[in-house]
Amino acid sequence: MCFDLDSSPPIPAADGPEVEHESLILAAADGNRFRAFLARPAITTGKAIVILPDVRGLHHYYEELALRFAEAGVEAVAIDYFGRTAGSGARDESFDSGQHVAQTTWAGLSADIVAATAFLRDRGGSGAAGSDASARPAIFVTGFCMGGRNAFLSATLGLRLAGVIGFYGWPGGPARNDTPAPTESVDAFDCPVLGIFGGADQGIPVAVVQSFRDALTAAGVENDIVVEPDAPHSFFDRKQAEFQVQSDDAWARVTRFIDAHAAA
């Protein structure tokens, strides 16, 4: 598991910005209905992001993260992975996600990512006061662990993304399902990449991260692959206060990446 069940994003809640939020059920093209959580600033800034969770699916950690993005002016929708096998009802902490992770497929995950991206793009600015309803936001995809790998691979789906941001997503080797290895898929990437990894991650050696960086560069994909020193897997966690410096740096890089590429 990437995070403790009671963990929270290592980002303090912002004072002042008005944020709206709601729970949703989205539908993919294959008929799957899945849970999602939307957070949006009262006034749109033309930036939006799809959040892909770790192996637990739509846990409250990711709902809170969506709120932090909205406070930073980025409309955010966090999605669940398990509509096909666990339904779209509410779950408690006793939910065993492991058996459902193994039943996910890249085809199904892709369909859900496409649906979430289309939801944000179709909304445009229509839900925010003082916005241009005809505008279409610059859309990013971010993810963590399993979601980090999925976020990287989102760059292959032809979604006209402004960028993808992966936190410690395995860039090489097999996964628990049939998702391809991002390092082997870089020729199909069509947007900039921000990858954030931990220098002390026992599961993703720095050499594997370097191979991903080298592959992206060789394919001509704009990239910023960051290794946070001494940080373990899942360091982006408020409970791990000893890694707050690395978490602060990672969040600053995320917001700069979004600002830079939303305006591109």
Protein backbone atom coordinates (compact mmCIF):
# COMPACT_ATOMS: atom_id res chain seq x y z
CA MET A 1 0.00 0.00 0.00
CA CYS A 2 1.34 3.41 -0.92
CA PHE A 3 -0.12 5.33 2.01
CA ASP A 4 -1.46 4.71 5.48
CA LEU A 5 -5.23 4.64 5.52
CA ASP A 6 -5.46 7.86 7.52
CA SER A 7 -2.85 9.80 5.54
CA SER A 8 -3.41 13.19 3.96
CA PRO A 9 -1.61 15.13 1.23
CA PRO A 10 1.35 17.11 2.62
CA ILE A 11 -0.12 20.40 1.42
CA PRO A 12 -1.72 22.80 3.91
CA ALA A 13 -5.25 23.89 3.11
CA ALA A 14 -5.28 27.40 1.72
CA ASP A 15 -7.13 30.16 3.50
CA GLY A 16 -9.45 32.27 1.41
CA PRO A 17 -10.02 30.64 -1.99
CA GLU A 18 -13.62 29.63 -2.50
CA VAL A 19 -13.83 26.00 -3.61
CA GLU A 20 -16.83 23.91 -4.59
CA HIS A 21 -16.89 20.12 -4.61
CA GLU A 22 -19.18 17.20 -5.29
CA SER A 23 -19.22 13.44 -5.70
CA LEU A 24 -20.00 12.15 -9.18
CA ILE A 25 -20.70 9.03 -11.18
CA LEU A 26 -19.01 9.12 -14.58
CA ALA A 27 -19.61 6.78 -17.50
CA ALA A 28 -16.97 5.37 -19.85
CA ALA A 29 -17.57 4.50 -23.50
CA ASP A 30 -17.73 0.79 -22.68
CA GLY A 31 -20.65 1.38 -20.31
CA ASN A 32 -18.65 1.30 -17.07
CA ARG A 33 -19.96 3.62 -14.37
CA PHE A 34 -17.41 4.73 -11.81
CA ARG A 35 -17.08 7.01 -8.82
CA ALA A 36 -15.34 10.38 -9.07
CA PHE A 37 -14.83 13.46 -6.93
CA LEU A 38 -14.82 16.94 -8.44
CA ALA A 39 -13.29 20.03 -6.83
CA ARG A 40 -13.31 23.38 -8.59
CA PRO A 41 -12.38 26.98 -7.87
CA ALA A 42 -15.24 29.46 -7.94
CA ILE A 43 -13.55 31.27 -10.82
CA THR A 44 -11.89 29.16 -13.48
CA THR A 45 -8.27 29.75 -14.47
CA GLY A 46 -8.33 27.56 -17.57
CA LYS A 47 -6.46 24.71 -15.88
CA ALA A 48 -7.82 21.26 -15.03
CA ILE A 49 -6.39 17.92 -13.92
CA VAL A 50 -7.42 14.26 -13.71
CA ILE A 51 -6.10 12.54 -10.56
CA LEU A 52 -5.31 8.83 -10.79
CA PRO A 53 -5.02 7.20 -7.35
CA ASP A 54 -2.79 4.48 -5.98
CA VAL A 55 -4.01 0.90 -5.62
CA ARG A 56 -6.80 1.85 -3.20
CA GLY A 57 -8.83 3.67 -5.83
CA LEU A 58 -10.82 6.74 -4.84
CA HIS A 59 -9.64 7.07 -1.24
CA HIS A 60 -10.26 10.23 0.81
CA TYR A 61 -6.57 11.13 0.33
CA TYR A 62 -7.32 11.85 -3.32
CA GLU A 63 -10.51 13.75 -2.58
CA GLU A 64 -8.48 16.02 -0.29
CA LEU A 65 -5.77 16.34 -2.95
CA ALA A 66 -8.43 17.45 -5.44
CA LEU A 67 -9.40 20.20 -2.98
CA ARG A 68 -5.77 21.34 -2.72
CA PHE A 69 -5.57 21.58 -6.51
CA ALA A 70 -8.82 23.58 -6.61
CA GLU A 71 -7.48 25.96 -3.97
CA ALA A 72 -4.49 26.47 -6.29
CA GLY A 73 -6.88 27.38 -9.13
CA VAL A 74 -6.89 24.00 -10.90
CA GLU A 75 -10.20 22.22 -11.43
CA ALA A 76 -9.63 18.59 -10.42
CA VAL A 77 -11.46 15.31 -10.78
CA ALA A 78 -10.18 12.23 -8.92
CA ILE A 79 -11.46 8.91 -10.22
CA ASP A 80 -11.93 5.36 -8.99
CA TYR A 81 -10.62 2.25 -10.77
CA PHE A 82 -13.07 -0.43 -9.68
CA GLY A 83 -16.48 0.34 -11.15
CA ARG A 84 -16.35 -2.80 -13.27
CA THR A 85 -15.69 -5.18 -10.37
CA ALA A 86 -16.83 -3.39 -7.20
CA GLY A 87 -19.59 -1.11 -8.44
CA SER A 88 -19.93 2.59 -7.77
CA GLY A 89 -21.27 2.55 -4.22
CA ALA A 90 -19.55 4.02 -1.17
CA ARG A 91 -16.88 1.91 0.57
CA ASP A 92 -15.31 1.94 4.00
CA GLU A 93 -11.75 1.25 5.15
CA SER A 94 -12.39 -2.51 5.14
CA PHE A 95 -12.53 -2.57 1.33
CA ASP A 96 -9.96 -5.01 -0.04
CA SER A 97 -8.68 -3.31 -3.17
CA GLY A 98 -6.01 -5.90 -3.94
CA GLN A 99 -8.35 -8.39 -5.57
CA HIS A 100 -9.80 -5.63 -7.74
CA VAL A 101 -6.44 -4.19 -8.87
CA ALA A 102 -5.62 -7.56 -10.43
CA GLN A 103 -8.83 -7.40 -12.46
CA THR A 104 -8.14 -4.01 -13.99
CA THR A 105 -6.98 -3.82 -17.59
CA TRP A 106 -5.27 -1.09 -19.55
CA ALA A 107 -8.27 -1.03 -21.90
CA GLY A 108 -10.62 -0.37 -19.00
CA LEU A 109 -8.32 2.13 -17.29
CA SER A 110 -7.85 3.95 -20.58
CA ALA A 111 -11.60 4.19 -21.11
CA ASP A 112 -12.05 5.71 -17.66
CA ILE A 113 -9.20 8.22 -18.16
CA VAL A 114 -10.71 9.22 -21.51
CA ALA A 115 -14.10 9.71 -19.85
CA ALA A 116 -12.68 11.85 -17.03
CA THR A 117 -10.73 13.98 -19.50
CA ALA A 118 -13.80 14.45 -21.68
CA PHE A 119 -15.82 15.45 -18.62
CA LEU A 120 -13.36 18.23 -17.77
CA ARG A 121 -13.03 19.37 -21.38
CA ASP A 122 -16.79 19.43 -21.97
CA ARG A 123 -17.36 21.41 -18.77
CA GLY A 124 -15.03 24.14 -19.95
CA GLY A 125 -15.71 27.11 -17.72
CA SER A 126 -19.43 26.49 -17.47
CA GLY A 127 -19.42 25.65 -13.78
CA ALA A 128 -17.53 28.67 -12.51
CA ALA A 129 -18.72 32.18 -11.87
CA GLY A 130 -17.20 34.88 -14.04
CA SER A 131 -15.73 32.45 -16.53
CA ASP A 132 -15.91 32.16 -20.29
CA ALA A 133 -18.27 29.24 -20.95
CA SER A 134 -16.78 28.75 -24.40
CA ALA A 135 -13.26 28.20 -23.02
CA ARG A 136 -11.70 24.79 -22.93
CA PRO A 137 -9.17 24.16 -20.16
CA ALA A 138 -5.61 22.97 -20.46
CA ILE A 139 -5.93 19.45 -19.08
CA PHE A 140 -3.26 17.51 -17.21
CA VAL A 141 -3.22 14.00 -15.75
CA THR A 142 -1.42 13.15 -12.53
CA GLY A 143 -1.14 9.91 -10.60
CA PHE A 144 0.57 8.12 -7.74
CA CYS A 145 2.20 4.67 -7.69
CA MET A 146 -0.11 2.59 -9.90
CA GLY A 147 -1.67 5.90 -10.89
CA GLY A 148 1.75 7.34 -11.67
CA ARG A 149 2.35 4.66 -14.26
CA ASN A 150 -1.15 5.24 -15.62
CA ALA A 151 -0.52 8.99 -15.75
CA PHE A 152 2.61 8.51 -17.85
CA LEU A 153 0.72 6.20 -20.19
CA SER A 154 -2.08 8.76 -20.53
CA ALA A 155 0.32 10.61 -22.83
CA THR A 156 -0.23 7.83 -25.39
CA LEU A 157 -4.03 8.16 -25.58
CA GLY A 158 -4.28 11.09 -27.99
CA LEU A 159 -6.15 13.25 -25.49
CA ARG A 160 -4.47 16.57 -26.36
CA LEU A 161 -3.17 16.85 -22.82
CA ALA A 162 -1.10 19.81 -21.73
CA GLY A 163 1.12 17.47 -19.73
CA VAL A 164 1.30 14.40 -17.50
CA ILE A 165 2.69 14.21 -13.96
CA GLY A 166 3.64 10.89 -12.39
CA PHE A 167 4.63 10.38 -8.78
CA TYR A 168 6.75 7.24 -8.32
CA GLY A 169 4.99 5.32 -11.05
CA TRP A 170 6.95 2.27 -12.21
CA PRO A 171 8.33 3.31 -15.61
CA GLY A 172 9.69 -0.10 -16.58
CA GLY A 173 8.86 -3.75 -16.15
CA PRO A 174 5.57 -5.56 -15.65
CA ALA A 175 2.63 -4.31 -13.56
CA ARG A 176 -0.11 -6.07 -11.59
CA ASN A 177 -2.24 -5.88 -14.71
CA ASP A 178 -1.52 -5.57 -18.42
CA THR A 179 -0.46 -1.92 -18.52
CA PRO A 180 2.53 -1.49 -20.84
CA ALA A 181 5.82 -0.12 -19.56
CA PRO A 182 6.05 3.65 -20.04
CA THR A 183 9.76 3.45 -20.92
CA GLU A 184 8.87 1.18 -23.82
CA SER A 185 5.99 3.42 -24.94
CA VAL A 186 7.69 6.83 -25.16
CA ASP A 187 7.51 6.97 -28.96
CA ALA A 188 3.72 7.40 -28.55
CA PHE A 189 3.94 10.19 -25.95
CA ASP A 190 2.48 13.44 -27.26
CA CYS A 191 2.85 15.89 -24.36
CA PRO A 192 5.43 17.03 -21.79
CA VAL A 193 6.21 14.81 -18.81
CA LEU A 194 7.00 15.61 -15.19
CA GLY A 195 8.17 12.54 -13.28
CA ILE A 196 8.82 12.66 -9.54
CA PHE A 197 10.64 9.80 -7.86
CA GLY A 198 12.30 9.08 -4.53
CA GLY A 199 16.04 8.62 -4.35
CA ALA A 200 15.59 5.98 -1.64
CA ASP A 201 12.71 4.13 -3.33
CA GLN A 202 13.56 0.44 -2.96
CA GLY A 203 11.13 -0.57 -5.71
CA ILE A 204 12.21 1.91 -8.40
CA PRO A 205 16.01 2.15 -8.52
CA VAL A 206 17.51 5.42 -9.73
CA ALA A 207 18.99 3.52 -12.70
CA VAL A 208 15.44 2.66 -13.83
CA VAL A 209 14.45 6.31 -13.50
CA GLN A 210 17.47 7.33 -15.57
CA SER A 211 16.50 4.83 -18.27
CA PHE A 212 13.07 6.45 -18.44
CA ARG A 213 14.62 9.92 -18.70
CA ASP A 214 17.00 8.74 -21.42
CA ALA A 215 14.17 7.12 -23.40
CA LEU A 216 12.01 10.25 -23.23
CA THR A 217 14.88 12.45 -24.32
CA ALA A 218 15.83 10.14 -27.17
CA ALA A 219 12.19 10.20 -28.35
CA GLY A 220 12.16 14.01 -28.32
CA VAL A 221 9.61 14.21 -25.49
CA GLU A 222 9.96 17.29 -23.29
CA ASN A 223 10.58 16.01 -19.78
CA ASP A 224 11.59 16.92 -16.27
CA ILE A 225 12.44 13.76 -14.35
CA VAL A 226 13.15 14.57 -10.71
CA VAL A 227 14.69 12.34 -8.05
CA GLU A 228 13.99 13.73 -4.60
CA PRO A 229 17.04 12.96 -2.44
CA ASP A 230 16.68 10.36 0.33
CA ALA A 231 12.93 10.08 -0.25
CA PRO A 232 11.25 6.64 -0.19
CA HIS A 233 8.31 5.42 -2.23
CA SER A 234 5.12 7.32 -1.30
CA PHE A 235 7.06 10.11 0.41
CA PHE A 236 4.35 12.63 -0.57
CA ASP A 237 2.51 12.00 2.67
CA ARG A 238 1.92 14.44 5.53
CA LYS A 239 2.49 11.69 8.11
CA GLN A 240 6.08 11.33 6.92
CA ALA A 241 7.11 14.72 8.27
CA GLU A 242 10.78 13.92 7.79
CA PHE A 243 10.19 14.21 4.03
CA GLN A 244 8.32 17.51 4.13
CA VAL A 245 11.16 19.31 2.35
CA GLN A 246 10.97 16.88 -0.56
CA SER A 247 7.17 17.07 -0.58
CA ASP A 248 7.25 20.87 -0.66
CA ASP A 249 9.70 20.77 -3.56
CA ALA A 250 7.55 18.25 -5.43
CA TRP A 251 4.38 20.34 -5.03
CA ALA A 252 6.20 23.47 -6.17
CA ARG A 253 7.39 21.62 -9.26
CA VAL A 254 3.86 20.41 -9.99
CA THR A 255 2.35 23.89 -9.79
CA ARG A 256 5.15 25.41 -11.90
CA PHE A 257 4.75 22.66 -14.52
CA ILE A 258 1.01 23.28 -14.72
CA ASP A 259 1.39 27.04 -14.94
CA ALA A 260 4.08 26.81 -17.62
CA HIS A 261 2.31 24.32 -19.85
CA ALA A 262 -1.21 25.68 -19.42
CA ALA A 263 0.08 28.86 -21.02
CA ALA A 264 2.00 27.08 -23.78
